[in-house]
Amino acid sequence: MLVKVGRRALLDYLCSDPGLAITFHLFKNNPVPADADLLLTDLTEADFAGYAAITGVVFPGAVINGDLHGETLSPTQTWTTTGAGLPQTIYGAYVTVTISGAPKLLFVRRFATPQVLSLPGETVNKKFDFLDDDGNVPAFGA
């Protein structure tokens, strides 16, 4: 069993070690498996003009929240369309970490309502809330 202080320490490590290369992505398909069963190959990364995965995000230190889970919240991440590849429907976001040169899927979160990008200049803005046990966390709000 991972103890409470261990949960916090694990999140602190994942979110602060620059050697782990945490990367934030958007996905444009609506995969069938439940989120906990998804593999990286189940997700189709967004590819609208202006899109790029985001790396180098610095998280604040993790805390033990009111439900006694380790938690940390990223700053807002923003992706902006610049034209080609529209319209594109974005179903959610995911986070990978590079380990031994290979990306590994860590977190997936669907949006409560898929976001349709139709015009240049439209944005997707999301914060990533990492919990050590997020099985009961709802999808991102729109």
N, C-alpha and C. Protein backbone atom coordinates (compact mmCIF):
# COMPACT_ATOMS: atom_id res chain seq x y z
N MET A 1 0.85 -1.18 0.00
CA MET A 1 0.00 0.00 0.00
C MET A 1 0.88 1.24 0.00
N LEU A 2 0.54 2.17 -0.86
CA LEU A 2 1.26 3.44 -0.92
C LEU A 2 0.71 4.35 0.17
N VAL A 3 1.55 4.71 1.14
CA VAL A 3 1.10 5.53 2.25
C VAL A 3 0.88 6.97 1.81
N LYS A 4 0.15 7.74 2.62
CA LYS A 4 -0.22 9.12 2.25
C LYS A 4 0.98 9.97 1.89
N VAL A 5 2.01 9.95 2.73
CA VAL A 5 3.18 10.79 2.42
C VAL A 5 3.91 10.26 1.20
N GLY A 6 3.80 8.96 0.94
CA GLY A 6 4.39 8.38 -0.26
C GLY A 6 3.68 8.85 -1.51
N ARG A 7 2.36 9.01 -1.43
CA ARG A 7 1.58 9.52 -2.56
C ARG A 7 2.05 10.91 -2.94
N ARG A 8 2.20 11.73 -1.93
CA ARG A 8 2.64 13.11 -2.18
C ARG A 8 4.06 13.11 -2.74
N ALA A 9 4.93 12.31 -2.16
CA ALA A 9 6.32 12.26 -2.62
C ALA A 9 6.40 11.78 -4.07
N LEU A 10 5.58 10.80 -4.42
CA LEU A 10 5.59 10.28 -5.79
C LEU A 10 5.15 11.35 -6.78
N LEU A 11 4.10 12.09 -6.46
CA LEU A 11 3.67 13.17 -7.34
C LEU A 11 4.72 14.26 -7.43
N ASP A 12 5.33 14.61 -6.30
CA ASP A 12 6.40 15.61 -6.32
C ASP A 12 7.51 15.17 -7.27
N TYR A 13 7.89 13.91 -7.20
CA TYR A 13 8.96 13.38 -8.05
C TYR A 13 8.56 13.43 -9.51
N LEU A 14 7.36 12.94 -9.83
CA LEU A 14 6.91 12.92 -11.22
C LEU A 14 6.84 14.33 -11.82
N CYS A 15 6.43 15.28 -11.02
CA CYS A 15 6.18 16.63 -11.54
C CYS A 15 7.36 17.58 -11.42
N SER A 16 8.44 17.15 -10.80
CA SER A 16 9.55 18.09 -10.62
C SER A 16 10.87 17.61 -11.20
N ASP A 17 10.96 16.36 -11.58
CA ASP A 17 12.22 15.84 -12.11
C ASP A 17 12.33 16.17 -13.59
N PRO A 18 13.20 17.14 -13.96
CA PRO A 18 13.30 17.53 -15.37
C PRO A 18 13.78 16.41 -16.27
N GLY A 19 14.40 15.39 -15.71
CA GLY A 19 14.88 14.27 -16.51
C GLY A 19 13.77 13.38 -17.01
N LEU A 20 12.55 13.54 -16.48
CA LEU A 20 11.44 12.69 -16.89
C LEU A 20 10.74 13.17 -18.15
N ALA A 21 10.93 14.40 -18.55
CA ALA A 21 10.35 14.95 -19.79
C ALA A 21 8.85 14.71 -19.88
N ILE A 22 8.10 15.30 -18.95
CA ILE A 22 6.64 15.23 -18.99
C ILE A 22 6.15 16.08 -20.15
N THR A 23 5.22 15.52 -20.95
CA THR A 23 4.70 16.20 -22.14
C THR A 23 3.18 16.14 -22.13
N PHE A 24 2.55 17.27 -22.46
CA PHE A 24 1.09 17.39 -22.51
C PHE A 24 0.64 17.35 -23.96
N HIS A 25 -0.42 16.60 -24.23
CA HIS A 25 -0.92 16.40 -25.59
C HIS A 25 -2.45 16.56 -25.61
N LEU A 26 -3.00 16.81 -26.77
CA LEU A 26 -4.44 16.75 -27.01
C LEU A 26 -4.73 15.57 -27.92
N PHE A 27 -5.90 14.94 -27.76
CA PHE A 27 -6.26 13.87 -28.68
C PHE A 27 -7.57 14.19 -29.40
N LYS A 28 -7.63 13.72 -30.68
CA LYS A 28 -8.75 14.07 -31.56
C LYS A 28 -9.64 12.87 -31.90
N ASN A 29 -9.42 11.75 -31.29
CA ASN A 29 -10.33 10.62 -31.50
C ASN A 29 -11.07 10.36 -30.20
N ASN A 30 -12.09 9.52 -30.28
CA ASN A 30 -12.89 9.17 -29.10
C ASN A 30 -12.70 7.69 -28.83
N PRO A 31 -11.60 7.33 -28.15
CA PRO A 31 -11.27 5.92 -27.99
C PRO A 31 -12.33 5.18 -27.17
N VAL A 32 -12.50 3.90 -27.51
CA VAL A 32 -13.54 3.08 -26.90
C VAL A 32 -13.18 2.58 -25.51
N PRO A 33 -11.97 2.11 -25.23
CA PRO A 33 -11.72 1.57 -23.89
C PRO A 33 -11.93 2.62 -22.81
N ALA A 34 -12.25 2.14 -21.61
CA ALA A 34 -12.31 3.04 -20.46
C ALA A 34 -10.94 3.69 -20.29
N ASP A 35 -10.91 4.90 -19.75
CA ASP A 35 -9.65 5.64 -19.65
C ASP A 35 -8.55 4.84 -18.96
N ALA A 36 -8.89 4.11 -17.91
CA ALA A 36 -7.87 3.36 -17.17
C ALA A 36 -7.26 2.24 -18.00
N ASP A 37 -7.95 1.83 -19.07
CA ASP A 37 -7.47 0.74 -19.91
C ASP A 37 -6.80 1.22 -21.19
N LEU A 38 -6.72 2.53 -21.40
CA LEU A 38 -6.15 3.05 -22.63
C LEU A 38 -4.65 2.82 -22.73
N LEU A 39 -4.21 2.65 -23.95
CA LEU A 39 -2.79 2.59 -24.28
C LEU A 39 -2.47 3.82 -25.13
N LEU A 40 -1.21 4.19 -25.18
CA LEU A 40 -0.81 5.34 -25.99
C LEU A 40 -1.25 5.16 -27.44
N THR A 41 -1.21 3.93 -27.93
CA THR A 41 -1.59 3.66 -29.33
C THR A 41 -3.09 3.83 -29.57
N ASP A 42 -3.92 3.92 -28.50
CA ASP A 42 -5.35 4.14 -28.66
C ASP A 42 -5.69 5.61 -28.93
N LEU A 43 -4.73 6.50 -28.71
CA LEU A 43 -4.98 7.94 -28.82
C LEU A 43 -4.41 8.49 -30.12
N THR A 44 -5.19 9.33 -30.79
CA THR A 44 -4.73 9.99 -32.01
C THR A 44 -4.47 11.45 -31.66
N GLU A 45 -3.20 11.84 -31.72
CA GLU A 45 -2.83 13.18 -31.31
C GLU A 45 -3.38 14.23 -32.28
N ALA A 46 -3.80 15.36 -31.72
CA ALA A 46 -4.27 16.49 -32.52
C ALA A 46 -3.19 16.89 -33.51
N ASP A 47 -3.61 17.46 -34.65
CA ASP A 47 -2.62 17.88 -35.65
C ASP A 47 -3.05 19.13 -36.40
N PHE A 48 -3.89 19.98 -35.78
CA PHE A 48 -4.28 21.23 -36.43
C PHE A 48 -3.08 22.17 -36.50
N ALA A 49 -3.08 23.08 -37.46
CA ALA A 49 -1.99 24.04 -37.60
C ALA A 49 -1.90 24.87 -36.33
N GLY A 50 -0.70 25.00 -35.80
CA GLY A 50 -0.46 25.71 -34.55
C GLY A 50 -0.32 24.78 -33.36
N TYR A 51 -0.71 23.50 -33.53
CA TYR A 51 -0.63 22.55 -32.42
C TYR A 51 0.79 22.04 -32.25
N ALA A 52 1.20 21.93 -31.01
CA ALA A 52 2.42 21.22 -30.64
C ALA A 52 2.23 20.73 -29.22
N ALA A 53 2.73 19.54 -28.94
CA ALA A 53 2.71 19.05 -27.57
C ALA A 53 3.51 20.03 -26.71
N ILE A 54 3.16 20.12 -25.43
CA ILE A 54 3.81 21.08 -24.53
C ILE A 54 4.70 20.33 -23.55
N THR A 55 5.96 20.76 -23.48
CA THR A 55 6.91 20.16 -22.55
C THR A 55 7.44 21.24 -21.61
N GLY A 56 8.17 20.81 -20.58
CA GLY A 56 8.83 21.75 -19.68
C GLY A 56 7.92 22.44 -18.70
N VAL A 57 6.76 21.89 -18.42
CA VAL A 57 5.83 22.50 -17.48
C VAL A 57 6.33 22.26 -16.05
N VAL A 58 6.32 23.31 -15.26
CA VAL A 58 6.74 23.23 -13.86
C VAL A 58 5.50 23.19 -12.98
N PHE A 59 5.41 22.19 -12.14
CA PHE A 59 4.29 22.03 -11.22
C PHE A 59 4.67 22.54 -9.84
N PRO A 60 3.68 23.02 -9.09
CA PRO A 60 3.95 23.32 -7.68
C PRO A 60 4.08 22.00 -6.92
N GLY A 61 4.60 22.06 -5.72
CA GLY A 61 4.72 20.85 -4.90
C GLY A 61 3.36 20.24 -4.64
N ALA A 62 3.32 18.92 -4.54
CA ALA A 62 2.07 18.22 -4.26
C ALA A 62 1.66 18.42 -2.81
N VAL A 63 0.36 18.32 -2.57
CA VAL A 63 -0.20 18.44 -1.23
C VAL A 63 -1.09 17.23 -0.98
N ILE A 64 -1.42 16.99 0.27
CA ILE A 64 -2.44 16.00 0.62
C ILE A 64 -3.74 16.78 0.68
N ASN A 65 -4.70 16.45 -0.19
CA ASN A 65 -5.95 17.20 -0.26
C ASN A 65 -6.94 16.75 0.81
N GLY A 66 -8.14 17.34 0.79
CA GLY A 66 -9.16 17.04 1.79
C GLY A 66 -9.65 15.60 1.77
N ASP A 67 -9.43 14.91 0.65
CA ASP A 67 -9.81 13.50 0.56
C ASP A 67 -8.64 12.58 0.88
N LEU A 68 -7.55 13.17 1.39
CA LEU A 68 -6.34 12.45 1.79
C LEU A 68 -5.62 11.81 0.62
N HIS A 69 -5.65 12.48 -0.52
CA HIS A 69 -4.92 12.03 -1.70
C HIS A 69 -3.86 13.06 -2.06
N GLY A 70 -2.74 12.60 -2.59
CA GLY A 70 -1.74 13.51 -3.10
C GLY A 70 -2.27 14.19 -4.34
N GLU A 71 -2.02 15.50 -4.48
CA GLU A 71 -2.57 16.25 -5.60
C GLU A 71 -1.66 17.42 -5.95
N THR A 72 -1.55 17.71 -7.25
CA THR A 72 -0.87 18.91 -7.73
C THR A 72 -1.57 19.38 -8.99
N LEU A 73 -1.60 20.69 -9.20
CA LEU A 73 -2.32 21.30 -10.31
C LEU A 73 -1.36 22.11 -11.15
N SER A 74 -1.33 21.84 -12.46
CA SER A 74 -0.42 22.55 -13.36
C SER A 74 -0.93 23.96 -13.62
N PRO A 75 -0.03 24.82 -14.09
CA PRO A 75 -0.51 26.09 -14.64
C PRO A 75 -1.35 25.80 -15.89
N THR A 76 -2.16 26.77 -16.32
CA THR A 76 -2.98 26.60 -17.53
C THR A 76 -2.09 26.38 -18.74
N GLN A 77 -2.43 25.38 -19.54
CA GLN A 77 -1.73 25.10 -20.80
C GLN A 77 -2.64 25.55 -21.93
N THR A 78 -2.08 26.20 -22.95
CA THR A 78 -2.87 26.75 -24.04
C THR A 78 -2.34 26.29 -25.39
N TRP A 79 -3.28 25.84 -26.23
CA TRP A 79 -2.98 25.51 -27.62
C TRP A 79 -3.85 26.44 -28.48
N THR A 80 -3.29 27.00 -29.55
CA THR A 80 -4.01 27.95 -30.39
C THR A 80 -3.95 27.51 -31.86
N THR A 81 -5.10 27.50 -32.51
CA THR A 81 -5.15 27.15 -33.93
C THR A 81 -4.62 28.31 -34.77
N THR A 82 -3.98 27.97 -35.89
CA THR A 82 -3.50 29.01 -36.80
C THR A 82 -4.07 28.86 -38.21
N GLY A 83 -4.88 27.84 -38.45
CA GLY A 83 -5.50 27.76 -39.77
C GLY A 83 -5.77 26.37 -40.28
N ALA A 84 -4.79 25.74 -40.91
CA ALA A 84 -5.00 24.46 -41.60
C ALA A 84 -5.40 23.36 -40.62
N GLY A 85 -6.04 22.34 -41.17
CA GLY A 85 -6.43 21.18 -40.37
C GLY A 85 -7.72 21.38 -39.59
N LEU A 86 -8.50 22.38 -39.96
CA LEU A 86 -9.76 22.66 -39.26
C LEU A 86 -10.92 22.31 -40.17
N PRO A 87 -12.07 21.96 -39.65
CA PRO A 87 -12.33 21.83 -38.22
C PRO A 87 -11.71 20.55 -37.66
N GLN A 88 -11.49 20.57 -36.36
CA GLN A 88 -10.96 19.41 -35.66
C GLN A 88 -11.63 19.33 -34.29
N THR A 89 -12.11 18.15 -33.95
CA THR A 89 -12.76 17.94 -32.66
C THR A 89 -11.73 17.37 -31.70
N ILE A 90 -11.60 18.02 -30.54
CA ILE A 90 -10.66 17.59 -29.51
C ILE A 90 -11.46 16.95 -28.38
N TYR A 91 -11.17 15.68 -28.11
CA TYR A 91 -11.92 14.92 -27.11
C TYR A 91 -11.30 14.96 -25.72
N GLY A 92 -10.01 15.30 -25.63
CA GLY A 92 -9.40 15.31 -24.32
C GLY A 92 -7.91 15.55 -24.40
N ALA A 93 -7.26 15.31 -23.28
CA ALA A 93 -5.83 15.55 -23.16
C ALA A 93 -5.17 14.37 -22.47
N TYR A 94 -3.88 14.23 -22.73
CA TYR A 94 -3.13 13.17 -22.08
C TYR A 94 -1.71 13.63 -21.80
N VAL A 95 -1.07 12.92 -20.91
CA VAL A 95 0.28 13.26 -20.49
C VAL A 95 1.16 12.04 -20.66
N THR A 96 2.32 12.28 -21.27
CA THR A 96 3.32 11.20 -21.39
C THR A 96 4.57 11.61 -20.64
N VAL A 97 5.37 10.61 -20.32
CA VAL A 97 6.69 10.83 -19.75
C VAL A 97 7.65 9.95 -20.54
N THR A 98 8.83 10.48 -20.82
CA THR A 98 9.81 9.70 -21.57
C THR A 98 10.71 8.97 -20.59
N ILE A 99 10.74 7.66 -20.72
CA ILE A 99 11.56 6.80 -19.87
C ILE A 99 12.41 5.94 -20.78
N SER A 100 13.71 6.00 -20.60
CA SER A 100 14.64 5.24 -21.44
C SER A 100 14.40 5.51 -22.92
N GLY A 101 14.10 6.76 -23.25
CA GLY A 101 13.94 7.16 -24.64
C GLY A 101 12.60 6.86 -25.27
N ALA A 102 11.67 6.27 -24.52
CA ALA A 102 10.37 5.92 -25.08
C ALA A 102 9.25 6.62 -24.31
N PRO A 103 8.24 7.18 -25.01
CA PRO A 103 7.13 7.81 -24.31
C PRO A 103 6.23 6.76 -23.65
N LYS A 104 5.81 7.07 -22.44
CA LYS A 104 4.90 6.21 -21.68
C LYS A 104 3.68 7.03 -21.28
N LEU A 105 2.50 6.48 -21.45
CA LEU A 105 1.26 7.17 -21.10
C LEU A 105 1.07 7.17 -19.59
N LEU A 106 0.88 8.37 -19.01
CA LEU A 106 0.68 8.48 -17.56
C LEU A 106 -0.77 8.78 -17.21
N PHE A 107 -1.32 9.83 -17.82
CA PHE A 107 -2.64 10.31 -17.46
C PHE A 107 -3.44 10.59 -18.73
N VAL A 108 -4.75 10.33 -18.64
CA VAL A 108 -5.68 10.67 -19.72
C VAL A 108 -6.88 11.31 -19.07
N ARG A 109 -7.38 12.37 -19.69
CA ARG A 109 -8.62 12.97 -19.20
C ARG A 109 -9.42 13.45 -20.41
N ARG A 110 -10.66 12.94 -20.51
CA ARG A 110 -11.56 13.38 -21.56
C ARG A 110 -12.19 14.72 -21.16
N PHE A 111 -12.56 15.52 -22.14
CA PHE A 111 -13.30 16.74 -21.86
C PHE A 111 -14.75 16.36 -21.62
N ALA A 112 -15.44 17.08 -20.75
CA ALA A 112 -16.85 16.80 -20.48
C ALA A 112 -17.66 16.92 -21.78
N THR A 113 -17.28 17.89 -22.61
CA THR A 113 -17.87 18.08 -23.94
C THR A 113 -16.72 18.24 -24.92
N PRO A 114 -16.66 17.46 -25.99
CA PRO A 114 -15.58 17.65 -26.96
C PRO A 114 -15.56 19.09 -27.46
N GLN A 115 -14.38 19.59 -27.73
CA GLN A 115 -14.22 20.97 -28.18
C GLN A 115 -13.94 20.98 -29.68
N VAL A 116 -14.82 21.62 -30.45
CA VAL A 116 -14.67 21.71 -31.90
C VAL A 116 -13.94 23.00 -32.23
N LEU A 117 -12.80 22.86 -32.89
CA LEU A 117 -12.01 24.01 -33.33
C LEU A 117 -12.30 24.23 -34.80
N SER A 118 -12.83 25.40 -35.14
CA SER A 118 -13.25 25.67 -36.51
C SER A 118 -12.55 26.84 -37.17
N LEU A 119 -12.01 27.76 -36.36
CA LEU A 119 -11.46 29.00 -36.90
C LEU A 119 -10.05 29.25 -36.39
N PRO A 120 -9.20 29.89 -37.19
CA PRO A 120 -7.88 30.29 -36.69
C PRO A 120 -8.05 31.19 -35.46
N GLY A 121 -7.16 31.01 -34.49
CA GLY A 121 -7.19 31.82 -33.29
C GLY A 121 -7.97 31.22 -32.14
N GLU A 122 -8.72 30.14 -32.38
CA GLU A 122 -9.43 29.48 -31.29
C GLU A 122 -8.41 28.76 -30.40
N THR A 123 -8.75 28.63 -29.11
CA THR A 123 -7.80 28.04 -28.17
C THR A 123 -8.42 26.90 -27.38
N VAL A 124 -7.55 26.04 -26.89
CA VAL A 124 -7.87 25.04 -25.88
C VAL A 124 -7.02 25.42 -24.69
N ASN A 125 -7.66 25.66 -23.53
CA ASN A 125 -6.96 26.05 -22.31
C ASN A 125 -7.31 25.05 -21.22
N LYS A 126 -6.31 24.37 -20.67
CA LYS A 126 -6.58 23.37 -19.63
C LYS A 126 -5.49 23.39 -18.57
N LYS A 127 -5.91 23.10 -17.34
CA LYS A 127 -4.98 22.82 -16.24
C LYS A 127 -5.05 21.32 -16.00
N PHE A 128 -3.95 20.74 -15.62
CA PHE A 128 -3.89 19.31 -15.35
C PHE A 128 -3.82 19.10 -13.85
N ASP A 129 -4.81 18.40 -13.32
CA ASP A 129 -4.89 18.10 -11.90
C ASP A 129 -4.46 16.65 -11.73
N PHE A 130 -3.27 16.45 -11.19
CA PHE A 130 -2.77 15.10 -10.99
C PHE A 130 -3.10 14.65 -9.58
N LEU A 131 -3.77 13.52 -9.49
CA LEU A 131 -4.10 12.91 -8.21
C LEU A 131 -3.47 11.54 -8.15
N ASP A 132 -3.11 11.12 -6.96
CA ASP A 132 -2.54 9.78 -6.85
C ASP A 132 -3.61 8.72 -7.04
N ASP A 133 -4.87 9.07 -6.85
CA ASP A 133 -5.99 8.15 -7.08
C ASP A 133 -7.13 8.98 -7.66
N ASP A 134 -7.25 8.99 -8.99
CA ASP A 134 -8.25 9.86 -9.60
C ASP A 134 -9.38 9.08 -10.27
N GLY A 135 -9.66 7.90 -9.76
CA GLY A 135 -10.71 7.08 -10.35
C GLY A 135 -12.09 7.72 -10.30
N ASN A 136 -12.31 8.62 -9.35
CA ASN A 136 -13.63 9.25 -9.23
C ASN A 136 -13.64 10.69 -9.73
N VAL A 137 -12.57 11.12 -10.38
CA VAL A 137 -12.50 12.48 -10.88
C VAL A 137 -13.24 12.57 -12.20
N PRO A 138 -14.15 13.56 -12.34
CA PRO A 138 -14.89 13.67 -13.59
C PRO A 138 -14.01 14.16 -14.72
N ALA A 139 -14.56 14.12 -15.93
CA ALA A 139 -13.85 14.63 -17.10
C ALA A 139 -13.60 16.13 -16.92
N PHE A 140 -12.65 16.67 -17.70
CA PHE A 140 -12.41 18.11 -17.71
C PHE A 140 -13.72 18.82 -18.00
N GLY A 141 -13.91 19.97 -17.38
CA GLY A 141 -15.00 20.84 -17.78
C GLY A 141 -14.71 21.41 -19.15
N ALA A 142 -15.70 21.91 -19.82
CA ALA A 142 -15.50 22.46 -21.18
C ALA A 142 -14.69 23.73 -21.13
